[in-house]
N, C-alpha and C. Protein backbone atom coordinates (compact mmCIF):
# COMPACT_ATOMS: atom_id res chain seq x y z
N MET A 1 -6.40 7.07 15.38
CA MET A 1 -4.65 6.66 15.97
C MET A 1 -4.39 7.90 14.61
N ALA A 2 -3.42 8.09 15.34
CA ALA A 2 -2.43 9.42 13.62
C ALA A 2 -2.36 9.45 12.90
N LYS A 3 -2.15 10.20 12.00
CA LYS A 3 -1.50 9.49 10.40
C LYS A 3 0.05 9.10 10.22
N ASN A 4 1.00 9.39 11.59
CA ASN A 4 2.21 9.18 12.03
C ASN A 4 2.13 7.25 12.81
N ASP A 5 0.50 7.55 12.95
CA ASP A 5 0.89 6.29 13.62
C ASP A 5 0.35 4.62 12.70
N LYS A 6 -0.43 5.84 11.99
CA LYS A 6 -0.73 4.75 10.68
C LYS A 6 -0.17 4.25 9.85
N GLU A 7 1.42 5.23 9.87
CA GLU A 7 2.20 5.29 9.04
C GLU A 7 3.33 3.95 9.02
N ILE A 8 2.87 4.04 9.93
CA ILE A 8 3.73 2.80 11.62
C ILE A 8 3.18 1.18 11.27
N ASP A 9 1.99 1.64 11.35
CA ASP A 9 0.60 0.53 11.40
C ASP A 9 1.15 0.03 9.83
N ILE A 10 1.08 0.62 9.13
CA ILE A 10 1.38 -0.55 7.00
C ILE A 10 2.40 -0.62 7.80
N LEU A 11 3.98 0.29 8.30
CA LEU A 11 5.37 -0.42 8.03
C LEU A 11 5.84 -1.72 8.63
N ASN A 12 4.53 -1.92 9.90
CA ASN A 12 4.60 -3.03 10.33
C ASN A 12 3.81 -3.98 9.40
N ASP A 13 2.99 -3.78 9.04
CA ASP A 13 1.69 -5.04 8.45
C ASP A 13 2.98 -5.45 7.48
N VAL A 14 3.46 -4.49 6.67
CA VAL A 14 4.79 -4.84 5.09
C VAL A 14 5.45 -6.43 6.26
N ILE A 15 6.26 -5.77 6.67
CA ILE A 15 6.64 -6.38 8.01
C ILE A 15 6.55 -7.89 7.87
N ASN A 16 5.51 -8.12 8.17
CA ASN A 16 4.85 -9.09 8.84
C ASN A 16 4.75 -9.77 7.15
N LEU A 17 3.66 -8.76 6.72
CA LEU A 17 3.84 -9.82 4.69
C LEU A 17 4.88 -10.46 4.83
N LEU A 18 6.06 -9.74 4.70
CA LEU A 18 7.48 -9.87 4.09
C LEU A 18 7.74 -11.77 4.55
N ILE A 19 7.42 -12.43 6.17
CA ILE A 19 7.99 -12.72 6.12
C ILE A 19 7.24 -14.19 6.11
N GLN A 20 6.27 -14.15 5.16
CA GLN A 20 5.16 -14.56 4.82
C GLN A 20 5.47 -15.81 3.60
N GLU A 21 5.12 -17.31 4.07
CA GLU A 21 6.03 -18.43 2.53
C GLU A 21 4.90 -17.74 1.15
N ASP A 22 3.40 -17.07 1.16
CA ASP A 22 2.78 -17.64 0.69
C ASP A 22 2.89 -16.17 -0.20
N LEU A 23 3.52 -15.39 -0.70
CA LEU A 23 3.85 -14.42 -1.76
C LEU A 23 4.39 -14.30 -2.55
N THR A 24 3.65 -14.17 -3.54
CA THR A 24 4.67 -14.23 -4.94
C THR A 24 5.71 -13.70 -5.15
N THR A 25 6.87 -14.30 -5.66
CA THR A 25 8.51 -13.13 -6.37
C THR A 25 7.63 -12.06 -6.26
N ASP A 26 6.94 -11.43 -7.34
CA ASP A 26 6.18 -9.93 -7.59
C ASP A 26 5.40 -9.01 -6.02
N GLU A 27 4.68 -9.23 -5.41
CA GLU A 27 4.08 -9.42 -4.45
C GLU A 27 5.27 -9.30 -3.46
N ARG A 28 6.38 -9.30 -3.42
CA ARG A 28 7.19 -9.85 -2.62
C ARG A 28 8.28 -8.47 -2.69
N SER A 29 8.63 -8.11 -4.05
CA SER A 29 8.83 -6.89 -4.69
C SER A 29 9.07 -5.60 -4.88
N ILE A 30 7.46 -5.59 -4.61
CA ILE A 30 6.29 -4.29 -4.55
C ILE A 30 6.60 -4.27 -3.27
N LEU A 31 5.99 -4.96 -1.11
CA LEU A 31 6.30 -5.34 -0.51
C LEU A 31 8.21 -4.74 -0.09
N GLN A 32 8.66 -5.03 -0.64
CA GLN A 32 10.15 -5.08 -0.17
C GLN A 32 10.07 -2.92 -0.86
N LEU A 33 10.14 -2.43 -2.27
CA LEU A 33 9.88 -1.49 -2.42
C LEU A 33 8.99 -0.74 -1.04
N ALA A 34 7.77 -0.51 -1.24
CA ALA A 34 6.33 -0.48 -0.37
C ALA A 34 7.45 -0.12 1.61
N LYS A 35 7.99 -1.29 1.74
CA LYS A 35 8.83 -1.43 3.10
C LYS A 35 10.12 0.34 3.43
N GLN A 36 10.29 0.26 1.19
CA GLN A 36 11.70 0.93 2.16
C GLN A 36 11.50 2.84 1.66
N ARG A 37 10.64 2.69 1.41
CA ARG A 37 9.32 4.10 0.88
C ARG A 37 9.42 4.39 2.33
N LEU A 38 8.15 3.89 2.62
CA LEU A 38 7.71 3.78 4.54
C LEU A 38 8.96 4.67 5.42
N GLU A 39 9.62 4.10 5.14
CA GLU A 39 11.11 4.09 6.55
C GLU A 39 11.75 5.13 6.16
N ARG A 40 11.67 5.45 4.62
CA ARG A 40 12.09 6.76 4.12
C ARG A 40 11.16 8.01 3.74
N HIS A 41 9.93 7.63 5.39
CA HIS A 41 9.42 8.93 5.20
C HIS A 41 8.43 9.45 4.47
N LEU A 42 9.32 8.65 2.90
CA LEU A 42 8.28 9.51 0.52
C LEU A 42 6.02 9.57 2.13
N TYR A 43 6.44 10.44 0.89
CA TYR A 43 4.97 10.83 0.98
C TYR A 43 3.28 9.51 1.16
N PHE A 44 3.42 9.45 2.06
CA PHE A 44 2.75 8.25 2.26
C PHE A 44 1.47 7.90 1.74
N PRO A 45 0.40 9.14 0.92
CA PRO A 45 -0.71 8.74 0.07
C PRO A 45 -0.36 7.84 -1.38
N ARG A 46 0.85 8.50 -1.93
CA ARG A 46 1.75 7.54 -3.14
C ARG A 46 2.22 6.35 -3.09
N ILE A 47 2.63 6.05 -1.76
CA ILE A 47 2.85 4.47 -1.29
C ILE A 47 1.52 4.12 -1.35
N ILE A 48 0.61 4.21 -0.20
CA ILE A 48 -0.77 3.34 -0.88
C ILE A 48 -1.51 3.13 -1.86
N SER A 49 -1.09 4.53 -2.75
CA SER A 49 -1.97 4.52 -3.99
C SER A 49 -0.99 3.36 -5.34
N ASP A 50 -0.03 3.29 -4.49
CA ASP A 50 1.60 2.81 -5.64
C ASP A 50 1.01 1.30 -5.19
N LEU A 51 0.84 0.97 -4.04
CA LEU A 51 0.44 -0.59 -3.49
C LEU A 51 -0.88 -0.93 -3.95
N GLU A 52 -1.92 0.48 -3.93
CA GLU A 52 -3.31 -0.22 -4.12
C GLU A 52 -3.75 -0.64 -5.89
N GLN A 53 -2.41 -0.11 -6.84
CA GLN A 53 -3.04 -0.35 -8.10
C GLN A 53 -1.39 -1.43 -8.75
N SER A 54 -0.68 -1.82 -7.26
CA SER A 54 0.22 -2.81 -8.25
C SER A 54 -1.16 -3.82 -7.65
N PHE A 55 -1.22 -3.77 -6.70
CA PHE A 55 -2.03 -5.04 -6.27
C PHE A 55 -3.93 -5.02 -6.80
N THR A 56 -4.57 -4.13 -7.17
CA THR A 56 -6.15 -4.74 -7.86
C THR A 56 -5.34 -5.56 -9.02
N PRO A 57 -5.21 -5.21 -10.14
CA PRO A 57 -5.04 -6.68 -11.05
C PRO A 57 -5.33 -7.94 -10.44
N LEU A 58 -4.10 -7.96 -9.33
CA LEU A 58 -4.40 -9.43 -9.13
C LEU A 58 -5.36 -9.71 -8.79
N ALA A 59 -5.92 -8.83 -7.59
CA ALA A 59 -6.77 -9.36 -6.71
C ALA A 59 -8.99 -8.99 -7.20
N MET A 60 -8.59 -9.36 -8.63
CA MET A 60 -9.53 -9.07 -9.38
C MET A 60 -9.84 -9.85 -9.52
N GLN A 61 -8.85 -10.71 -11.00
CA GLN A 61 -8.08 -12.19 -11.23
C GLN A 61 -8.00 -13.25 -10.07
N GLN A 62 -8.69 -12.60 -8.88
CA GLN A 62 -8.01 -13.67 -7.52
C GLN A 62 -6.78 -14.37 -7.76
N LYS A 63 -5.82 -13.56 -7.73
CA LYS A 63 -4.42 -14.39 -7.64
C LYS A 63 -3.87 -13.44 -6.59
N LEU A 64 -4.59 -12.90 -6.14
CA LEU A 64 -3.48 -12.05 -4.91
C LEU A 64 -2.87 -12.75 -3.43
N SER A 65 -2.38 -12.86 -3.28
CA SER A 65 -1.48 -13.95 -2.41
C SER A 65 -2.63 -14.53 -0.32
N LYS A 66 -2.84 -15.42 -0.21
CA LYS A 66 -3.99 -15.16 0.41
C LYS A 66 -3.36 -14.21 1.77
N SER A 67 -2.34 -14.65 2.57
CA SER A 67 -1.92 -12.99 3.17
C SER A 67 -1.63 -11.70 3.64
N LEU A 68 -2.30 -11.46 1.66
CA LEU A 68 -2.40 -10.11 1.85
C LEU A 68 -2.90 -9.41 1.51
N SER A 69 -4.01 -10.30 1.60
CA SER A 69 -5.31 -9.38 1.37
C SER A 69 -5.84 -8.77 2.50
N PRO A 70 -5.93 -9.00 3.85
CA PRO A 70 -6.37 -8.38 5.04
C PRO A 70 -5.55 -6.96 4.20
N LEU A 71 -4.23 -7.06 3.35
CA LEU A 71 -4.11 -5.30 3.69
C LEU A 71 -3.90 -4.68 2.95
N TYR A 72 -4.08 -5.15 1.73
CA TYR A 72 -4.93 -4.61 0.33
C TYR A 72 -6.63 -4.11 0.45
N LEU A 73 -7.56 -5.16 1.86
CA LEU A 73 -8.54 -4.97 1.98
C LEU A 73 -8.70 -3.08 2.53
N LYS A 74 -7.40 -3.01 3.62
CA LYS A 74 -7.19 -1.63 4.39
C LYS A 74 -7.02 -1.32 3.83
N ILE A 75 -6.55 -1.29 2.53
CA ILE A 75 -5.62 0.07 2.56
C ILE A 75 -6.54 0.47 1.15
N THR A 76 -7.52 -0.04 0.68
CA THR A 76 -8.86 -0.09 -0.18
C THR A 76 -9.41 0.25 0.26
N SER A 77 -9.74 0.89 1.12
CA SER A 77 -11.00 0.93 2.34
C SER A 77 -10.93 2.35 2.04
N GLN A 78 -12.87 2.60 1.88
CA GLN A 78 -13.07 4.70 1.57
C GLN A 78 -12.58 5.12 3.19
N GLU A 79 -12.85 4.04 4.15
CA GLU A 79 -12.34 4.81 5.29
C GLU A 79 -11.06 5.33 5.94
N PHE A 80 -10.32 3.94 4.91
CA PHE A 80 -9.16 4.20 5.26
C PHE A 80 -8.30 5.51 4.41
N LYS A 81 -9.25 5.82 2.87
CA LYS A 81 -8.98 7.05 1.76
C LYS A 81 -9.04 8.26 2.66
N ASN A 82 -10.36 8.82 3.64
CA ASN A 82 -11.51 9.27 3.86
C ASN A 82 -10.02 10.01 4.69
N LYS A 83 -9.38 8.77 6.33
CA LYS A 83 -9.56 9.59 7.72
C LYS A 83 -7.55 9.52 7.00
N TYR A 84 -6.49 8.90 6.71
CA TYR A 84 -5.43 8.83 6.20
C TYR A 84 -5.03 9.40 5.04
N GLN A 85 -5.79 9.65 3.61
CA GLN A 85 -5.28 10.61 2.43
C GLN A 85 -5.98 11.43 2.65
N GLY A 86 -7.55 11.70 2.47
CA GLY A 86 -7.36 12.93 2.65
C GLY A 86 -7.55 13.81 1.30
N PHE A 87 -7.43 15.22 1.44
CA PHE A 87 -7.72 15.75 0.21
C PHE A 87 -6.02 16.00 -0.37
N GLY A 88 -4.85 15.98 0.42
CA GLY A 88 -3.50 15.69 -0.33
C GLY A 88 -3.24 15.28 -1.61
N TYR A 89 -4.02 13.80 -1.36
CA TYR A 89 -4.46 12.48 -1.83
C TYR A 89 -5.14 12.88 -3.15
N GLY A 90 -6.19 13.10 -3.54
CA GLY A 90 -5.82 13.96 -5.09
C GLY A 90 -5.08 14.79 -5.62
N LEU A 91 -4.88 15.83 -4.98
CA LEU A 91 -4.09 16.26 -5.84
C LEU A 91 -2.52 15.31 -6.46
N GLY A 92 -1.90 14.94 -5.68
CA GLY A 92 -1.01 14.54 -5.38
C GLY A 92 -0.75 13.34 -6.59
N MET A 93 -2.58 13.05 -7.59
CA MET A 93 -2.65 11.95 -7.99
C MET A 93 -3.29 12.83 -9.12
N ASN A 94 -3.65 13.95 -8.69
CA ASN A 94 -3.63 15.08 -10.83
C ASN A 94 -2.60 15.63 -11.39
N PHE A 95 -1.71 15.99 -9.94
CA PHE A 95 -0.72 16.45 -10.46
C PHE A 95 0.29 15.36 -10.29
N GLY A 96 0.43 14.86 -9.93
CA GLY A 96 1.86 14.00 -9.67
C GLY A 96 2.12 13.00 -10.49
N GLY A 97 1.09 12.87 -11.67
CA GLY A 97 1.67 10.98 -12.69
C GLY A 97 -0.31 10.66 -12.26
N GLY A 98 0.12 10.29 -11.05
CA GLY A 98 -0.87 9.07 -10.60
C GLY A 98 -1.25 8.06 -10.23
N GLY A 99 0.91 7.44 -10.17
CA GLY A 99 0.84 6.64 -9.08
C GLY A 99 1.66 5.38 -9.99
N GLY A 100 1.53 4.58 -9.31
CA GLY A 100 2.13 2.76 -10.80
C GLY A 100 4.06 2.87 -10.63
N ASN A 101 4.44 2.98 -9.49
CA ASN A 101 5.74 3.90 -9.41
C ASN A 101 5.58 1.93 -9.41
N PHE A 102 4.82 1.04 -9.09
CA PHE A 102 6.14 0.00 -7.88
C PHE A 102 6.72 -1.14 -9.49
C-alpha cells in the first residue's frame, strides 16, 4: 500500500468511526479534527502522532471506546510507524514540538 493509500485508509477509518454511537464527545471531537486535517492533506505523521497522543491516556486507563480500539492499535503498531511514517516522523517530533494539538 502506497503512502497516499494509507492516508486514504486512515481517513476512511476515521469517517467510519464518526458514525459509531459508542464514541465519547471527546473522542468524536478528536476524530473530527483528524478528518479535517487528513482532508486538507496536512503532514500525515503529525496527524497520526496527535491521534496517538490523544488516545493513549484513554487506552492506558481502559476508557477507550470499543469501536476506536482497532484504529488505535493500527496507528500505534511498530509496523505502521516504520512503513508509513519513516525518517521524517522523528525529525518532525524533534523540531516540531512533539505533537499534542488535538
